[in-house]
Protein backbone atom coordinates (compact mmCIF):
# COMPACT_ATOMS: atom_id res chain seq x y z
CA MET A 1 0.02 0.03 0.06
CA SER A 2 1.52 3.40 -1.13
CA LYS A 3 1.44 6.55 1.23
CA GLN A 4 -1.15 8.17 -1.16
CA ASP A 5 -3.50 4.94 -0.19
CA ASN A 6 -3.26 5.95 3.27
CA LYS A 7 -3.76 9.58 3.09
CA ARG A 8 -7.04 10.87 3.27
CA ILE A 9 -7.84 13.51 0.30
CA GLU A 10 -10.68 16.10 1.08
CA PHE A 11 -11.67 18.35 -1.59
CA ASN A 12 -13.79 21.66 -1.82
CA TYR A 13 -17.42 21.83 -3.08
CA ARG A 14 -16.72 22.38 -6.87
CA GLN A 15 -14.30 19.38 -6.86
CA TYR A 16 -17.09 17.69 -4.82
CA ARG A 17 -19.96 18.49 -7.58
CA ALA A 18 -17.27 17.45 -10.39
CA MET A 19 -16.70 14.11 -8.55
CA ARG A 20 -20.41 13.52 -8.01
CA ARG A 21 -20.83 13.80 -11.97
CA LEU A 22 -18.01 11.22 -12.21
CA VAL A 23 -19.59 8.72 -9.61
CA HIS A 24 -21.98 7.64 -11.94
CA GLU A 25 -19.40 6.52 -14.58
CA CYS A 26 -18.18 3.92 -12.10
CA CYS A 27 -19.07 0.18 -12.74
CA ASN A 28 -19.82 -0.38 -9.36
CA TYR A 29 -22.25 2.33 -9.05
CA GLU A 30 -26.03 1.25 -9.48
CA GLU A 31 -28.79 3.29 -8.09
CA GLY A 32 -26.96 5.05 -5.49
CA ASN A 33 -25.31 1.94 -4.32
CA CYS A 34 -22.19 0.40 -4.48
CA ILE A 35 -21.98 -3.55 -5.74
CA LEU A 36 -18.71 -3.74 -4.58
CA LEU A 37 -19.41 -3.28 -0.77
CA GLU A 38 -22.49 -5.12 -1.05
CA ARG A 39 -22.53 -8.77 1.17
CA GLY A 40 -26.45 -9.32 0.76
CA ASP A 41 -27.65 -6.07 1.58
CA THR A 42 -27.47 -2.75 -0.11
CA CYS A 43 -24.44 -0.69 0.80
CA VAL A 44 -24.61 3.54 -0.26
CA CYS A 45 -21.72 4.24 -2.54
CA VAL A 46 -19.17 6.05 -0.10
CA GLN A 47 -18.02 8.63 -2.94
CA SER A 48 -21.54 9.91 -3.40
CA ILE A 49 -21.79 10.72 0.21
CA SER A 50 -18.60 11.79 1.34
CA LEU A 51 -16.44 14.83 1.12
CA SER A 52 -13.17 13.22 0.87
CA LEU A 53 -11.57 10.38 -1.68
CA CYS A 54 -12.37 7.29 0.33
CA CYS A 55 -12.72 4.56 -2.32
CA LYS A 56 -9.64 2.87 -3.77
CA TRP A 57 -11.50 1.61 -6.91
CA PHE A 58 -12.74 5.30 -7.45
CA ARG A 59 -9.05 6.55 -7.34
CA GLU A 60 -7.82 4.12 -9.63
CA ALA A 61 -10.49 3.55 -12.41
CA VAL A 62 -12.61 6.21 -12.52
CA LEU A 63 -10.82 9.34 -11.47
CA PRO A 64 -8.34 9.13 -14.44
CA LEU A 65 -11.45 9.95 -16.47
CA ASP A 66 -11.08 13.73 -15.43
CA ALA A 67 -7.42 14.47 -15.69
CA GLU A 68 -7.89 18.09 -14.24
CA LEU A 69 -9.79 16.53 -11.11
CA GLU A 70 -7.10 13.75 -10.99
CA THR A 71 -4.40 16.23 -10.82
CA ALA A 72 -6.19 18.77 -8.52
CA LEU A 73 -6.62 15.82 -6.01
CA LEU A 74 -3.77 13.31 -6.41
CA HIS A 75 -1.00 15.65 -7.71
CA ARG A 76 -0.68 18.49 -5.44
CA GLU A 77 2.69 18.72 -5.04
CA ASP A 78 4.14 18.04 -8.87
CA ARG A 79 1.27 20.02 -10.54
CA LYS A 80 1.52 23.10 -12.67
CA ALA A 81 -0.87 25.33 -14.40
CA CYS A 82 -1.05 25.37 -17.99
CA ALA A 83 0.05 28.72 -19.81
CA ILE A 84 -2.61 28.77 -22.22
CA CYS A 85 -5.78 27.65 -20.58
CA GLY A 86 -4.86 27.75 -16.89
CA ALA A 87 -5.82 24.17 -16.38
CA TRP A 88 -4.04 21.86 -13.75
CA PHE A 89 -1.92 19.09 -15.20
CA ALA A 90 0.59 16.58 -13.64
CA LEU A 91 4.17 17.29 -15.04
CA LYS A 92 5.64 14.46 -16.83
CA SER A 93 9.20 16.60 -16.91
CA ASN A 94 10.66 19.66 -15.70
CA ARG A 95 9.98 21.25 -18.81
CA GLY A 96 6.27 20.79 -18.81
CA LYS A 97 4.30 24.28 -19.97
CA TYR A 98 1.14 22.99 -21.39
CA CYS A 99 -1.79 20.68 -20.46
CA GLN A 100 -1.97 17.79 -22.58
CA THR A 101 -4.80 19.44 -25.02
CA CYS A 102 -2.81 22.72 -25.33
CA ALA A 103 0.39 21.00 -26.06
CA ALA A 104 -1.11 19.42 -29.25
CA ARG A 105 -2.41 22.88 -30.40
CA MET A 106 0.92 24.60 -29.47
CA LYS A 107 3.12 21.73 -31.47
CA LYS A 108 0.97 22.37 -34.49
CA GLN A 109 1.70 26.11 -34.15
CA LYS A 110 5.36 25.78 -33.72
CA ALA A 111 5.47 23.65 -36.53
CA ARG A 112 3.81 25.91 -38.92
CA GLU A 113 5.81 28.95 -37.83
CA ARG A 114 9.08 26.71 -38.41
CA LYS A 115 8.16 25.72 -41.43
CA ARG A 116 7.02 29.28 -42.41
CA ARG A 117 10.65 30.60 -41.50
CA GLN A 118 12.22 27.73 -43.46
CA ARG A 119 10.48 28.31 -46.38
CA GLU A 120 11.10 32.43 -46.04
CA ARG A 121 15.00 31.59 -45.77
CA CYS A 122 14.93 29.26 -49.02
CA HIS A 123 12.99 31.99 -50.80
CA ALA A 124 15.29 34.63 -49.70
CA LEU A 125 17.89 33.48 -52.09
CA GLY A 126 15.72 34.36 -55.10
CA PRO A 127 13.84 32.61 -57.57
CA PRO A 128 16.06 29.84 -59.50
CA GLU A 129 17.63 31.11 -62.68
CA ALA A 130 16.67 29.92 -66.14
CA LEU A 131 19.05 27.95 -67.86
């Protein structure tokens, strides 16, 4: 068991509402009850009534569906705000600057600019002379 499993993770109201919407994506959630916890009688889903992240299954399987919420809750020490949209994302390297969505957009934009400069340098010599 890792340190993260032992640590109780609490969140604010906005994160609670996002988590409540995400609870319905859990394969063990059925009509407000947790199938995983049932042992003959119905058991209310812990994530639907708690203001903390208690369920290990939810943490491992469901929370990655919302990357920004996962980063805000689980990667508090190693997170960074995106330079474009301001969303929180988990750093994969020390040079990370953009979230996954903005990184793809910026990669295309920088490639366009690089190719444009390359074409300008190529045509700066003038048109090829006719023989």
